[in-house]
Amino acid sequence: MKFSKFPKSPVFPPGHKWQFEKRKDGYESDITALVRRMLEDEAIREDQRTAWERWRNDNTGLKKP
């Protein structure tokens, strides 16, 4: 997969507050609840998927200088 064209990462207005609720059926940290809530946003989910694919398929870190 070639990564010559990337979609722009989502940008949110300054001061944007994410509304999230922790799960009631067990322990969940604030950060886990926040990340779970953020991944419900399609733009963020797609951005993270693209970043993961790029990282996973980039073998430049394996080459010796």
Protein backbone atom coordinates (compact mmCIF):
# COMPACT_ATOMS: atom_id res chain seq x y z
CA MET A 1 0.00 0.00 0.00
CA LYS A 2 1.41 3.39 -0.95
CA PHE A 3 0.88 6.31 1.34
CA SER A 4 1.36 9.26 -0.96
CA LYS A 5 -2.03 10.83 -0.26
CA PHE A 6 -3.42 11.03 3.23
CA PRO A 7 -6.79 12.33 4.32
CA LYS A 8 -6.59 15.29 6.68
CA SER A 9 -6.90 14.43 10.35
CA PRO A 10 -10.06 15.69 12.02
CA VAL A 11 -9.74 19.09 13.70
CA PHE A 12 -12.00 20.12 16.55
CA PRO A 13 -12.60 23.67 17.78
CA PRO A 14 -10.47 24.91 20.70
CA GLY A 15 -12.07 24.09 24.02
CA HIS A 16 -14.04 21.14 22.61
CA LYS A 17 -15.14 18.91 25.49
CA TRP A 18 -15.89 15.26 24.92
CA GLN A 19 -18.94 13.99 26.76
CA PHE A 20 -18.41 10.45 27.96
CA GLU A 21 -19.78 8.07 30.55
CA LYS A 22 -17.94 5.23 32.21
CA ARG A 23 -19.41 1.77 31.91
CA LYS A 24 -21.51 0.80 34.89
CA ASP A 25 -20.91 -2.97 34.72
CA GLY A 26 -17.28 -2.85 35.88
CA TYR A 27 -14.27 -0.65 36.35
CA GLU A 28 -13.33 1.67 33.50
CA SER A 29 -10.85 4.53 33.72
CA ASP A 30 -11.64 8.02 32.49
CA ILE A 31 -9.15 7.73 29.63
CA THR A 32 -10.56 4.40 28.45
CA ALA A 33 -14.07 5.85 28.46
CA LEU A 34 -12.84 8.93 26.59
CA VAL A 35 -11.05 6.89 23.91
CA ARG A 36 -14.05 4.60 23.52
CA ARG A 37 -16.27 7.67 23.04
CA MET A 38 -13.85 9.29 20.57
CA LEU A 39 -13.73 6.14 18.44
CA GLU A 40 -17.48 6.39 17.98
CA ASP A 41 -16.73 9.38 15.74
CA GLU A 42 -16.30 8.04 12.19
CA ALA A 43 -13.66 10.66 11.25
CA ILE A 44 -11.45 9.71 14.20
CA ARG A 45 -11.91 6.00 13.64
CA GLU A 46 -10.88 6.35 9.97
CA ASP A 47 -7.90 8.55 10.88
CA GLN A 48 -6.66 6.01 13.41
CA ARG A 49 -7.18 3.12 10.99
CA THR A 50 -5.08 4.93 8.36
CA ALA A 51 -2.35 5.67 10.92
CA TRP A 52 -2.30 2.03 12.01
CA GLU A 53 -2.10 0.78 8.41
CA ARG A 54 0.74 3.18 7.66
CA TRP A 55 2.67 2.16 10.76
CA ARG A 56 2.09 -1.53 10.17
CA ASN A 57 3.19 -1.42 6.53
CA ASP A 58 6.16 0.94 6.92
CA ASN A 59 9.34 -1.08 6.98
CA THR A 60 11.78 1.86 7.07
CA GLY A 61 12.34 1.29 10.78
CA LEU A 62 13.66 -2.17 9.99
CA LYS A 63 16.34 -1.01 7.59
CA LYS A 64 19.87 -0.41 8.84
CA PRO A 65 21.23 3.10 8.26
